[in-house]
Amino acid sequence: MNELTLRDFLSVPYLVEAETVDAGEGRWVRRASYPELPECTVESPTIEDTLERLERRRVERILEMLGEGGRPPVPRPPLPDSDPEGVVGRLGFGPDVVALLDRSGTDLSSRLAASCGPG
């Protein structure tokens, strides 16, 4: 198999887990995670905000792992009809991230460690 690119890693369909959690004192929060992606859990008062934050965390975590020279897990093949450009743009990542979408994971580790990150 060819080496995966950032576009490929951002197109992997991870499983999502979501729940409502008692935060105490009559407050409830929504918690969501990608359990297959380490350190990818968020909480927020609304499910809409939680899912938006989770998607941003997924992109950040993949960039972090590649920047550290690691390889994000790939439990399923990347989806061919996903839209990584649209996702990173909607989430506020800069054009520098879009410019890296077709770079291999190996090539990215040195580039991301030196410069680029979220937005």
PDB file of N, CA and C in Angstrom:
ATOM      1  N   MET A   1       0.838  -1.182   0.000  1.00  0.00           N
ATOM      2  CA  MET A   1       0.000   0.000   0.000  1.00  0.00           C
ATOM      3  C   MET A   1       0.882   1.244   0.000  1.00  0.00           C
ATOM      4  N   ASN A   2       0.489   2.249  -0.753  1.00  0.00           N
ATOM      5  CA  ASN A   2       1.222   3.506  -0.782  1.00  0.00           C
ATOM      6  C   ASN A   2       1.133   4.188   0.571  1.00  0.00           C
ATOM      7  N   GLU A   3       2.106   5.031   0.842  1.00  0.00           N
ATOM      8  CA  GLU A   3       2.091   5.777   2.095  1.00  0.00           C
ATOM      9  C   GLU A   3       0.903   6.738   2.097  1.00  0.00           C
ATOM     10  N   LEU A   4       0.250   6.847   3.241  1.00  0.00           N
ATOM     11  CA  LEU A   4      -0.917   7.709   3.354  1.00  0.00           C
ATOM     12  C   LEU A   4      -0.514   9.177   3.453  1.00  0.00           C
ATOM     13  N   THR A   5      -1.364  10.034   2.908  1.00  0.00           N
ATOM     14  CA  THR A   5      -1.174  11.476   2.967  1.00  0.00           C
ATOM     15  C   THR A   5      -2.038  12.056   4.090  1.00  0.00           C
ATOM     16  N   LEU A   6      -1.826  13.324   4.371  1.00  0.00           N
ATOM     17  CA  LEU A   6      -2.681  14.003   5.340  1.00  0.00           C
ATOM     18  C   LEU A   6      -4.136  13.921   4.900  1.00  0.00           C
ATOM     19  N   ARG A   7      -4.398  14.083   3.615  1.00  0.00           N
ATOM     20  CA  ARG A   7      -5.760  13.963   3.081  1.00  0.00           C
ATOM     21  C   ARG A   7      -6.356  12.600   3.457  1.00  0.00           C
ATOM     22  N   ASP A   8      -5.560  11.544   3.309  1.00  0.00           N
ATOM     23  CA  ASP A   8      -6.036  10.200   3.652  1.00  0.00           C
ATOM     24  C   ASP A   8      -6.371  10.092   5.135  1.00  0.00           C
ATOM     25  N   PHE A   9      -5.442  10.556   5.987  1.00  0.00           N
ATOM     26  CA  PHE A   9      -5.677  10.461   7.430  1.00  0.00           C
ATOM     27  C   PHE A   9      -6.927  11.248   7.838  1.00  0.00           C
ATOM     28  N   LEU A  10      -7.148  12.406   7.216  1.00  0.00           N
ATOM     29  CA  LEU A  10      -8.333  13.203   7.539  1.00  0.00           C
ATOM     30  C   LEU A  10      -9.611  12.620   6.951  1.00  0.00           C
ATOM     31  N   SER A  11      -9.491  11.623   6.101  1.00  0.00           N
ATOM     32  CA  SER A  11     -10.654  10.978   5.482  1.00  0.00           C
ATOM     33  C   SER A  11     -11.021   9.643   6.123  1.00  0.00           C
ATOM     34  N   VAL A  12     -10.303   9.260   7.167  1.00  0.00           N
ATOM     35  CA  VAL A  12     -10.593   8.002   7.862  1.00  0.00           C
ATOM     36  C   VAL A  12     -11.888   8.164   8.658  1.00  0.00           C
ATOM     37  N   PRO A  13     -12.845   7.246   8.490  1.00  0.00           N
ATOM     38  CA  PRO A  13     -14.106   7.330   9.250  1.00  0.00           C
ATOM     39  C   PRO A  13     -13.971   6.676  10.625  1.00  0.00           C
ATOM     40  N   TYR A  14     -13.686   7.495  11.623  1.00  0.00           N
ATOM     41  CA  TYR A  14     -13.576   7.002  12.990  1.00  0.00           C
ATOM     42  C   TYR A  14     -14.963   6.864  13.609  1.00  0.00           C
ATOM     43  N   LEU A  15     -15.101   5.923  14.522  1.00  0.00           N
ATOM     44  CA  LEU A  15     -16.339   5.781  15.272  1.00  0.00           C
ATOM     45  C   LEU A  15     -16.480   6.943  16.253  1.00  0.00           C
ATOM     46  N   VAL A  16     -17.699   7.422  16.450  1.00  0.00           N
ATOM     47  CA  VAL A  16     -17.976   8.499  17.395  1.00  0.00           C
ATOM     48  C   VAL A  16     -18.787   7.932  18.547  1.00  0.00           C
ATOM     49  N   GLU A  17     -18.395   8.298  19.767  1.00  0.00           N
ATOM     50  CA  GLU A  17     -19.192   7.988  20.951  1.00  0.00           C
ATOM     51  C   GLU A  17     -19.631   9.305  21.560  1.00  0.00           C
ATOM     52  N   ALA A  18     -20.920   9.392  21.939  1.00  0.00           N
ATOM     53  CA  ALA A  18     -21.435  10.615  22.550  1.00  0.00           C
ATOM     54  C   ALA A  18     -22.365  10.255  23.697  1.00  0.00           C
ATOM     55  N   GLU A  19     -22.331  11.101  24.740  1.00  0.00           N
ATOM     56  CA  GLU A  19     -23.191  10.874  25.897  1.00  0.00           C
ATOM     57  C   GLU A  19     -23.435  12.191  26.612  1.00  0.00           C
ATOM     58  N   THR A  20     -24.498  12.218  27.394  1.00  0.00           N
ATOM     59  CA  THR A  20     -24.776  13.349  28.263  1.00  0.00           C
ATOM     60  C   THR A  20     -24.313  12.966  29.655  1.00  0.00           C
ATOM     61  N   VAL A  21     -23.567  13.876  30.303  1.00  0.00           N
ATOM     62  CA  VAL A  21     -22.915  13.585  31.570  1.00  0.00           C
ATOM     63  C   VAL A  21     -23.333  14.615  32.612  1.00  0.00           C
ATOM     64  N   ASP A  22     -23.636  14.156  33.804  1.00  0.00           N
ATOM     65  CA  ASP A  22     -23.963  15.030  34.920  1.00  0.00           C
ATOM     66  C   ASP A  22     -22.683  15.753  35.368  1.00  0.00           C
ATOM     67  N   ALA A  23     -22.686  17.079  35.235  1.00  0.00           N
ATOM     68  CA  ALA A  23     -21.520  17.874  35.616  1.00  0.00           C
ATOM     69  C   ALA A  23     -21.664  18.432  37.029  1.00  0.00           C
ATOM     70  N   GLY A  24     -22.692  18.032  37.715  1.00  0.00           N
ATOM     71  CA  GLY A  24     -22.916  18.486  39.087  1.00  0.00           C
ATOM     72  C   GLY A  24     -23.712  19.771  39.159  1.00  0.00           C
ATOM     73  N   GLU A  25     -24.296  20.011  40.314  1.00  0.00           N
ATOM     74  CA  GLU A  25     -25.065  21.219  40.573  1.00  0.00           C
ATOM     75  C   GLU A  25     -26.144  21.465  39.523  1.00  0.00           C
ATOM     76  N   GLY A  26     -26.784  20.391  39.053  1.00  0.00           N
ATOM     77  CA  GLY A  26     -27.867  20.516  38.082  1.00  0.00           C
ATOM     78  C   GLY A  26     -27.430  20.822  36.664  1.00  0.00           C
ATOM     79  N   ARG A  27     -26.146  20.759  36.386  1.00  0.00           N
ATOM     80  CA  ARG A  27     -25.625  21.036  35.039  1.00  0.00           C
ATOM     81  C   ARG A  27     -25.331  19.721  34.322  1.00  0.00           C
ATOM     82  N   TRP A  28     -25.582  19.729  33.046  1.00  0.00           N
ATOM     83  CA  TRP A  28     -25.286  18.569  32.208  1.00  0.00           C
ATOM     84  C   TRP A  28     -24.446  19.026  31.034  1.00  0.00           C
ATOM     85  N   VAL A  29     -23.508  18.203  30.630  1.00  0.00           N
ATOM     86  CA  VAL A  29     -22.689  18.489  29.449  1.00  0.00           C
ATOM     87  C   VAL A  29     -22.781  17.317  28.488  1.00  0.00           C
ATOM     88  N   ARG A  30     -22.472  17.611  27.257  1.00  0.00           N
ATOM     89  CA  ARG A  30     -22.403  16.567  26.227  1.00  0.00           C
ATOM     90  C   ARG A  30     -20.938  16.250  26.029  1.00  0.00           C
ATOM     91  N   ARG A  31     -20.617  14.976  26.067  1.00  0.00           N
ATOM     92  CA  ARG A  31     -19.242  14.509  25.867  1.00  0.00           C
ATOM     93  C   ARG A  31     -19.236  13.658  24.606  1.00  0.00           C
ATOM     94  N   ALA A  32     -18.250  13.898  23.775  1.00  0.00           N
ATOM     95  CA  ALA A  32     -18.095  13.099  22.561  1.00  0.00           C
ATOM     96  C   ALA A  32     -16.622  12.774  22.368  1.00  0.00           C
ATOM     97  N   SER A  33     -16.382  11.627  21.754  1.00  0.00           N
ATOM     98  CA  SER A  33     -14.997  11.218  21.516  1.00  0.00           C
ATOM     99  C   SER A  33     -14.897  10.370  20.267  1.00  0.00           C
ATOM    100  N   TYR A  34     -13.688  10.300  19.770  1.00  0.00           N
ATOM    101  CA  TYR A  34     -13.292   9.308  18.774  1.00  0.00           C
ATOM    102  C   TYR A  34     -12.421   8.328  19.550  1.00  0.00           C
ATOM    103  N   PRO A  35     -12.996   7.257  20.087  1.00  0.00           N
ATOM    104  CA  PRO A  35     -12.216   6.358  20.944  1.00  0.00           C
ATOM    105  C   PRO A  35     -11.050   5.670  20.229  1.00  0.00           C
ATOM    106  N   GLU A  36     -11.089   5.597  18.915  1.00  0.00           N
ATOM    107  CA  GLU A  36      -9.991   4.976  18.165  1.00  0.00           C
ATOM    108  C   GLU A  36      -8.809   5.928  17.966  1.00  0.00           C
ATOM    109  N   LEU A  37      -9.014   7.202  18.306  1.00  0.00           N
ATOM    110  CA  LEU A  37      -7.984   8.219  18.137  1.00  0.00           C
ATOM    111  C   LEU A  37      -7.581   8.723  19.526  1.00  0.00           C
ATOM    112  N   PRO A  38      -6.366   8.429  19.972  1.00  0.00           N
ATOM    113  CA  PRO A  38      -5.948   8.794  21.326  1.00  0.00           C
ATOM    114  C   PRO A  38      -6.117  10.291  21.611  1.00  0.00           C
ATOM    115  N   GLU A  39      -6.514  10.583  22.856  1.00  0.00           N
ATOM    116  CA  GLU A  39      -6.639  11.966  23.330  1.00  0.00           C
ATOM    117  C   GLU A  39      -7.588  12.796  22.473  1.00  0.00           C
ATOM    118  N   CYS A  40      -8.713  12.201  22.110  1.00  0.00           N
ATOM    119  CA  CYS A  40      -9.661  12.906  21.246  1.00  0.00           C
ATOM    120  C   CYS A  40     -11.061  12.846  21.863  1.00  0.00           C
ATOM    121  N   THR A  41     -11.235  13.617  22.966  1.00  0.00           N
ATOM    122  CA  THR A  41     -12.505  13.717  23.680  1.00  0.00           C
ATOM    123  C   THR A  41     -12.761  15.174  24.006  1.00  0.00           C
ATOM    124  N   VAL A  42     -14.010  15.613  23.879  1.00  0.00           N
ATOM    125  CA  VAL A  42     -14.381  16.992  24.203  1.00  0.00           C
ATOM    126  C   VAL A  42     -15.707  17.009  24.947  1.00  0.00           C
ATOM    127  N   GLU A  43     -15.973  18.120  25.629  1.00  0.00           N
ATOM    128  CA  GLU A  43     -17.250  18.347  26.317  1.00  0.00           C
ATOM    129  C   GLU A  43     -17.720  19.760  26.034  1.00  0.00           C
ATOM    130  N   SER A  44     -19.044  19.930  26.019  1.00  0.00           N
ATOM    131  CA  SER A  44     -19.645  21.244  25.813  1.00  0.00           C
ATOM    132  C   SER A  44     -21.113  21.172  26.238  1.00  0.00           C
ATOM    133  N   PRO A  45     -21.735  22.322  26.495  1.00  0.00           N
ATOM    134  CA  PRO A  45     -23.140  22.304  26.914  1.00  0.00           C
ATOM    135  C   PRO A  45     -24.119  21.806  25.842  1.00  0.00           C
ATOM    136  N   THR A  46     -23.810  22.008  24.563  1.00  0.00           N
ATOM    137  CA  THR A  46     -24.731  21.591  23.499  1.00  0.00           C
ATOM    138  C   THR A  46     -24.092  20.532  22.611  1.00  0.00           C
ATOM    139  N   ILE A  47     -24.915  19.665  22.052  1.00  0.00           N
ATOM    140  CA  ILE A  47     -24.385  18.610  21.185  1.00  0.00           C
ATOM    141  C   ILE A  47     -23.775  19.196  19.914  1.00  0.00           C
ATOM    142  N   GLU A  48     -24.381  20.273  19.388  1.00  0.00           N
ATOM    143  CA  GLU A  48     -23.846  20.885  18.169  1.00  0.00           C
ATOM    144  C   GLU A  48     -22.431  21.403  18.397  1.00  0.00           C
ATOM    145  N   ASP A  49     -22.243  22.116  19.509  1.00  0.00           N
ATOM    146  CA  ASP A  49     -20.913  22.637  19.820  1.00  0.00           C
ATOM    147  C   ASP A  49     -19.940  21.500  20.119  1.00  0.00           C
ATOM    148  N   THR A  50     -20.425  20.476  20.805  1.00  0.00           N
ATOM    149  CA  THR A  50     -19.568  19.334  21.127  1.00  0.00           C
ATOM    150  C   THR A  50     -19.055  18.672  19.856  1.00  0.00           C
ATOM    151  N   LEU A  51     -19.937  18.441  18.895  1.00  0.00           N
ATOM    152  CA  LEU A  51     -19.521  17.786  17.652  1.00  0.00           C
ATOM    153  C   LEU A  51     -18.568  18.668  16.842  1.00  0.00           C
ATOM    154  N   GLU A  52     -18.796  19.971  16.842  1.00  0.00           N
ATOM    155  CA  GLU A  52     -17.889  20.884  16.142  1.00  0.00           C
ATOM    156  C   GLU A  52     -16.504  20.866  16.800  1.00  0.00           C
ATOM    157  N   ARG A  53     -16.494  20.906  18.124  1.00  0.00           N
ATOM    158  CA  ARG A  53     -15.213  20.848  18.845  1.00  0.00           C
ATOM    159  C   ARG A  53     -14.509  19.502  18.641  1.00  0.00           C
ATOM    160  N   LEU A  54     -15.294  18.441  18.583  1.00  0.00           N
ATOM    161  CA  LEU A  54     -14.709  17.117  18.373  1.00  0.00           C
ATOM    162  C   LEU A  54     -14.040  17.036  17.005  1.00  0.00           C
ATOM    163  N   GLU A  55     -14.697  17.578  16.002  1.00  0.00           N
ATOM    164  CA  GLU A  55     -14.115  17.546  14.658  1.00  0.00           C
ATOM    165  C   GLU A  55     -12.814  18.350  14.618  1.00  0.00           C
ATOM    166  N   ARG A  56     -12.798  19.499  15.274  1.00  0.00           N
ATOM    167  CA  ARG A  56     -11.569  20.299  15.333  1.00  0.00           C
ATOM    168  C   ARG A  56     -10.478  19.535  16.079  1.00  0.00           C
ATOM    169  N   ARG A  57     -10.837  18.884  17.178  1.00  0.00           N
ATOM    170  CA  ARG A  57      -9.859  18.116  17.952  1.00  0.00           C
ATOM    171  C   ARG A  57      -9.303  16.960  17.136  1.00  0.00           C
ATOM    172  N   ARG A  58     -10.155  16.328  16.315  1.00  0.00           N
ATOM    173  CA  ARG A  58      -9.695  15.221  15.462  1.00  0.00           C
ATOM    174  C   ARG A  58      -8.595  15.712  14.518  1.00  0.00           C
ATOM    175  N   VAL A  59      -8.829  16.842  13.858  1.00  0.00           N
ATOM    176  CA  VAL A  59      -7.832  17.385  12.934  1.00  0.00           C
ATOM    177  C   VAL A  59      -6.563  17.767  13.696  1.00  0.00           C
ATOM    178  N   GLU A  60      -6.722  18.448  14.839  1.00  0.00           N
ATOM    179  CA  GLU A  60      -5.558  18.831  15.637  1.00  0.00           C
ATOM    180  C   GLU A  60      -4.762  17.602  16.065  1.00  0.00           C
ATOM    181  N   ARG A  61      -5.459  16.566  16.496  1.00  0.00           N
ATOM    182  CA  ARG A  61      -4.775  15.362  16.997  1.00  0.00           C
ATOM    183  C   ARG A  61      -4.014  14.661  15.884  1.00  0.00           C
ATOM    184  N   ILE A  62      -4.606  14.580  14.709  1.00  0.00           N
ATOM    185  CA  ILE A  62      -3.921  13.960  13.564  1.00  0.00           C
ATOM    186  C   ILE A  62      -2.677  14.772  13.208  1.00  0.00           C
ATOM    187  N   LEU A  63      -2.802  16.104  13.185  1.00  0.00           N
ATOM    188  CA  LEU A  63      -1.637  16.950  12.911  1.00  0.00           C
ATOM    189  C   LEU A  63      -0.558  16.774  13.981  1.00  0.00           C
ATOM    190  N   GLU A  64      -0.975  16.706  15.252  1.00  0.00           N
ATOM    191  CA  GLU A  64      -0.015  16.496  16.340  1.00  0.00           C
ATOM    192  C   GLU A  64       0.729  15.175  16.173  1.00  0.00           C
ATOM    193  N   MET A  65      -0.010  14.115  15.925  1.00  0.00           N
ATOM    194  CA  MET A  65       0.614  12.790  15.803  1.00  0.00           C
ATOM    195  C   MET A  65       1.601  12.763  14.640  1.00  0.00           C
ATOM    196  N   LEU A  66       1.213  13.327  13.498  1.00  0.00           N
ATOM    197  CA  LEU A  66       2.120  13.360  12.349  1.00  0.00           C
ATOM    198  C   LEU A  66       3.323  14.248  12.637  1.00  0.00           C
ATOM    199  N   GLY A  67       3.100  15.378  13.309  1.00  0.00           N
ATOM    200  CA  GLY A  67       4.187  16.284  13.656  1.00  0.00           C
ATOM    201  C   GLY A  67       5.194  15.662  14.602  1.00  0.00           C
ATOM    202  N   GLU A  68       4.726  14.719  15.429  1.00  0.00           N
ATOM    203  CA  GLU A  68       5.608  14.013  16.370  1.00  0.00           C
ATOM    204  C   GLU A  68       6.264  12.793  15.725  1.00  0.00           C
ATOM    205  N   GLY A  69       6.006  12.601  14.442  1.00  0.00           N
ATOM    206  CA  GLY A  69       6.585  11.459  13.739  1.00  0.00           C
ATOM    207  C   GLY A  69       5.794  10.174  13.902  1.00  0.00           C
ATOM    208  N   GLY A  70       4.608  10.267  14.498  1.00  0.00           N
ATOM    209  CA  GLY A  70       3.756   9.092  14.684  1.00  0.00           C
ATOM    210  C   GLY A  70       2.825   8.886  13.505  1.00  0.00           C
ATOM    211  N   ARG A  71       2.036   7.849  13.613  1.00  0.00           N
ATOM    212  CA  ARG A  71       1.062   7.530  12.573  1.00  0.00           C
ATOM    213  C   ARG A  71      -0.299   7.380  13.229  1.00  0.00           C
ATOM    214  N   PRO A  72      -1.263   8.235  12.876  1.00  0.00           N
ATOM    215  CA  PRO A  72      -2.601   8.074  13.434  1.00  0.00           C
ATOM    216  C   PRO A  72      -3.169   6.704  13.073  1.00  0.00           C
ATOM    217  N   PRO A  73      -4.013   6.141  13.943  1.00  0.00           N
ATOM    218  CA  PRO A  73      -4.594   4.842  13.637  1.00  0.00           C
ATOM    219  C   PRO A  73      -5.504   4.916  12.402  1.00  0.00           C
ATOM    220  N   VAL A  74      -5.531   3.829  11.669  1.00  0.00           N
ATOM    221  CA  VAL A  74      -6.371   3.738  10.470  1.00  0.00           C
ATOM    222  C   VAL A  74      -7.199   2.450  10.584  1.00  0.00           C
ATOM    223  N   PRO A  75      -8.280   2.481  11.404  1.00  0.00           N
ATOM    224  CA  PRO A  75      -9.075   1.275  11.608  1.00  0.00           C
ATOM    225  C   PRO A  75      -9.925   0.894  10.399  1.00  0.00           C
ATOM    226  N   ARG A  76     -10.169   1.843   9.510  1.00  0.00           N
ATOM    227  CA  ARG A  76     -10.908   1.617   8.273  1.00  0.00           C
ATOM    228  C   ARG A  76     -10.252   2.428   7.165  1.00  0.00           C
ATOM    229  N   PRO A  77     -10.431   2.036   5.926  1.00  0.00           N
ATOM    230  CA  PRO A  77      -9.808   2.803   4.834  1.00  0.00           C
ATOM    231  C   PRO A  77     -10.404   4.207   4.725  1.00  0.00           C
ATOM    232  N   PRO A  78      -9.600   5.160   4.245  1.00  0.00           N
ATOM    233  CA  PRO A  78     -10.117   6.519   4.033  1.00  0.00           C
ATOM    234  C   PRO A  78     -11.299   6.506   3.055  1.00  0.00           C
ATOM    235  N   LEU A  79     -12.255   7.391   3.300  1.00  0.00           N
ATOM    236  CA  LEU A  79     -13.411   7.513   2.412  1.00  0.00           C
ATOM    237  C   LEU A  79     -13.038   8.338   1.186  1.00  0.00           C
ATOM    238  N   PRO A  80     -13.297   7.823  -0.008  1.00  0.00           N
ATOM    239  CA  PRO A  80     -12.908   8.561  -1.215  1.00  0.00           C
ATOM    240  C   PRO A  80     -13.728   9.823  -1.451  1.00  0.00           C
ATOM    241  N   ASP A  81     -14.925   9.920  -0.879  1.00  0.00           N
ATOM    242  CA  ASP A  81     -15.777  11.078  -1.139  1.00  0.00           C
ATOM    243  C   ASP A  81     -15.781  12.095   0.006  1.00  0.00           C
ATOM    244  N   SER A  82     -14.804  12.030   0.904  1.00  0.00           N
ATOM    245  CA  SER A  82     -14.738  13.020   1.981  1.00  0.00           C
ATOM    246  C   SER A  82     -14.192  14.335   1.431  1.00  0.00           C
ATOM    247  N   ASP A  83     -14.274  15.389   2.231  1.00  0.00           N
ATOM    248  CA  ASP A  83     -13.869  16.724   1.788  1.00  0.00           C
ATOM    249  C   ASP A  83     -12.929  17.371   2.806  1.00  0.00           C
ATOM    250  N   PRO A  84     -11.672  16.917   2.901  1.00  0.00           N
ATOM    251  CA  PRO A  84     -10.744  17.495   3.866  1.00  0.00           C
ATOM    252  C   PRO A  84     -10.540  19.002   3.704  1.00  0.00           C
ATOM    253  N   GLU A  85     -10.514  19.504   2.470  1.00  0.00           N
ATOM    254  CA  GLU A  85     -10.356  20.955   2.265  1.00  0.00           C
ATOM    255  C   GLU A  85     -11.496  21.712   2.919  1.00  0.00           C
ATOM    256  N   GLY A  86     -12.710  21.237   2.704  1.00  0.00           N
ATOM    257  CA  GLY A  86     -13.874  21.885   3.294  1.00  0.00           C
ATOM    258  C   GLY A  86     -13.858  21.823   4.805  1.00  0.00           C
ATOM    259  N   VAL A  87     -13.459  20.677   5.356  1.00  0.00           N
ATOM    260  CA  VAL A  87     -13.425  20.509   6.812  1.00  0.00           C
ATOM    261  C   VAL A  87     -12.411  21.452   7.442  1.00  0.00           C
ATOM    262  N   VAL A  88     -11.174  21.449   6.950  1.00  0.00           N
ATOM    263  CA  VAL A  88     -10.158  22.307   7.579  1.00  0.00           C
ATOM    264  C   VAL A  88     -10.482  23.782   7.374  1.00  0.00           C
ATOM    265  N   GLY A  89     -11.078  24.127   6.249  1.00  0.00           N
ATOM    266  CA  GLY A  89     -11.482  25.510   6.022  1.00  0.00           C
ATOM    267  C   GLY A  89     -12.597  25.936   6.960  1.00  0.00           C
ATOM    268  N   ARG A  90     -13.612  25.107   7.103  1.00  0.00           N
ATOM    269  CA  ARG A  90     -14.749  25.406   7.977  1.00  0.00           C
ATOM    270  C   ARG A  90     -14.318  25.524   9.428  1.00  0.00           C
ATOM    271  N   LEU A  91     -13.329  24.742   9.819  1.00  0.00           N
ATOM    272  CA  LEU A  91     -12.858  24.744  11.204  1.00  0.00           C
ATOM    273  C   LEU A  91     -11.855  25.854  11.495  1.00  0.00           C
ATOM    274  N   GLY A  92     -11.478  26.620  10.484  1.00  0.00           N
ATOM    275  CA  GLY A  92     -10.605  27.764  10.703  1.00  0.00           C
ATOM    276  C   GLY A  92      -9.118  27.482  10.642  1.00  0.00           C
ATOM    277  N   PHE A  93      -8.734  26.337  10.100  1.00  0.00           N
ATOM    278  CA  PHE A  93      -7.308  26.071   9.917  1.00  0.00           C
ATOM    279  C   PHE A  93      -6.847  26.886   8.714  1.00  0.00           C
ATOM    280  N   GLY A  94      -5.630  27.354   8.768  1.00  0.00           N
ATOM    281  CA  GLY A  94      -5.116  28.231   7.719  1.00  0.00           C
ATOM    282  C   GLY A  94      -4.823  27.510   6.415  1.00  0.00           C
ATOM    283  N   PRO A  95      -4.547  28.289   5.377  1.00  0.00           N
ATOM    284  CA  PRO A  95      -4.222  27.720   4.073  1.00  0.00           C
ATOM    285  C   PRO A  95      -2.952  26.878   4.105  1.00  0.00           C
ATOM    286  N   ASP A  96      -2.111  27.077   5.127  1.00  0.00           N
ATOM    287  CA  ASP A  96      -0.907  26.260   5.244  1.00  0.00           C
ATOM    288  C   ASP A  96      -1.265  24.791   5.460  1.00  0.00           C
ATOM    289  N   VAL A  97      -2.351  24.518   6.175  1.00  0.00           N
ATOM    290  CA  VAL A  97      -2.779  23.128   6.377  1.00  0.00           C
ATOM    291  C   VAL A  97      -3.336  22.560   5.079  1.00  0.00           C
ATOM    292  N   VAL A  98      -4.144  23.344   4.362  1.00  0.00           N
ATOM    293  CA  VAL A  98      -4.687  22.895   3.073  1.00  0.00           C
ATOM    294  C   VAL A  98      -3.553  22.556   2.120  1.00  0.00           C
ATOM    295  N   ALA A  99      -2.495  23.343   2.131  1.00  0.00           N
ATOM    296  CA  ALA A  99      -1.347  23.120   1.241  1.00  0.00           C
ATOM    297  C   ALA A  99      -0.629  21.806   1.548  1.00  0.00           C
ATOM    298  N   LEU A 100      -0.831  21.260   2.738  1.00  0.00           N
ATOM    299  CA  LEU A 100      -0.150  20.018   3.138  1.00  0.00           C
ATOM    300  C   LEU A 100      -0.976  18.763   2.891  1.00  0.00           C
ATOM    301  N   LEU A 101      -2.202  18.900   2.416  1.00  0.00           N
ATOM    302  CA  LEU A 101      -3.105  17.751   2.318  1.00  0.00           C
ATOM    303  C   LEU A 101      -2.547  16.587   1.506  1.00  0.00           C
ATOM    304  N   ASP A 102      -1.792  16.860   0.475  1.00  0.00           N
ATOM    305  CA  ASP A 102      -1.300  15.770  -0.371  1.00  0.00           C
ATOM    306  C   ASP A 102       0.129  15.339  -0.048  1.00  0.00           C
ATOM    307  N   ARG A 103       0.640  15.782   1.087  1.00  0.00           N
ATOM    308  CA  ARG A 103       1.964  15.356   1.556  1.00  0.00           C
ATOM    309  C   ARG A 103       1.838  14.042   2.315  1.00  0.00           C
ATOM    310  N   SER A 104       2.854  13.218   2.214  1.00  0.00           N
ATOM    311  CA  SER A 104       2.864  11.943   2.933  1.00  0.00           C
ATOM    312  C   SER A 104       3.087  12.182   4.418  1.00  0.00           C
ATOM    313  N   GLY A 105       2.716  11.201   5.221  1.00  0.00           N
ATOM    314  CA  GLY A 105       2.932  11.289   6.656  1.00  0.00           C
ATOM    315  C   GLY A 105       4.394  11.485   7.006  1.00  0.00           C
ATOM    316  N   THR A 106       5.277  10.803   6.312  1.00  0.00           N
ATOM    317  CA  THR A 106       6.719  10.926   6.567  1.00  0.00           C
ATOM    318  C   THR A 106       7.201  12.336   6.260  1.00  0.00           C
ATOM    319  N   ASP A 107       6.774  12.868   5.142  1.00  0.00           N
ATOM    320  CA  ASP A 107       7.171  14.220   4.739  1.00  0.00           C
ATOM    321  C   ASP A 107       6.625  15.251   5.726  1.00  0.00           C
ATOM    322  N   LEU A 108       5.447  14.991   6.258  1.00  0.00           N
ATOM    323  CA  LEU A 108       4.811  15.947   7.158  1.00  0.00           C
ATOM    324  C   LEU A 108       5.466  16.040   8.522  1.00  0.00           C
ATOM    325  N   SER A 109       6.035  14.955   9.002  1.00  0.00           N
ATOM    326  CA  SER A 109       6.558  14.987  10.370  1.00  0.00           C
ATOM    327  C   SER A 109       7.577  16.106  10.557  1.00  0.00           C
ATOM    328  N   SER A 110       8.477  16.306   9.604  1.00  0.00           N
ATOM    329  CA  SER A 110       9.463  17.380   9.748  1.00  0.00           C
ATOM    330  C   SER A 110       8.836  18.743   9.498  1.00  0.00           C
ATOM    331  N   ARG A 111       7.928  18.835   8.541  1.00  0.00           N
ATOM    332  CA  ARG A 111       7.301  20.127   8.227  1.00  0.00           C
ATOM    333  C   ARG A 111       6.410  20.618   9.366  1.00  0.00           C
ATOM    334  N   LEU A 112       5.611  19.719   9.921  1.00  0.00           N
ATOM    335  CA  LEU A 112       4.696  20.112  10.991  1.00  0.00           C
ATOM    336  C   LEU A 112       5.443  20.421  12.285  1.00  0.00           C
ATOM    337  N   ALA A 113       6.453  19.687  12.567  1.00  0.00           N
ATOM    338  CA  ALA A 113       7.226  19.940  13.769  1.00  0.00           C
ATOM    339  C   ALA A 113       7.877  21.318  13.717  1.00  0.00           C
ATOM    340  N   ALA A 114       8.261  21.748  12.523  1.00  0.00           N
ATOM    341  CA  ALA A 114       8.945  23.020  12.374  1.00  0.00           C
ATOM    342  C   ALA A 114       7.995  24.214  12.339  1.00  0.00           C
ATOM    343  N   SER A 115       6.768  24.029  11.799  1.00  0.00           N
ATOM    344  CA  SER A 115       6.017  25.245  11.547  1.00  0.00           C
ATOM    345  C   SER A 115       4.529  25.181  11.812  1.00  0.00           C
ATOM    346  N   CYS A 116       3.850  24.324  11.176  1.00  0.00           N
ATOM    347  CA  CYS A 116       2.431  24.460  10.959  1.00  0.00           C
ATOM    348  C   CYS A 116       1.616  23.806  12.066  1.00  0.00           C
ATOM    349  N   GLY A 117       0.429  24.331  12.243  1.00  0.00           N
ATOM    350  CA  GLY A 117      -0.545  23.784  13.169  1.00  0.00           C
ATOM    351  C   GLY A 117      -1.848  24.464  12.906  1.00  0.00           C
ATOM    352  N   PRO A 118      -2.798  24.369  13.793  1.00  0.00           N
ATOM    353  CA  PRO A 118      -4.082  25.016  13.590  1.00  0.00           C
ATOM    354  C   PRO A 118      -3.902  26.525  13.462  1.00  0.00           C
ATOM    355  N   GLY A 119      -4.710  27.046  12.615  1.00  0.00           N
ATOM    356  CA  GLY A 119      -4.756  28.305  12.389  1.00  0.00           C
ATOM    357  C   GLY A 119      -4.624  29.612  12.346  1.00  0.00           C
TER     358      GLY A 119
END
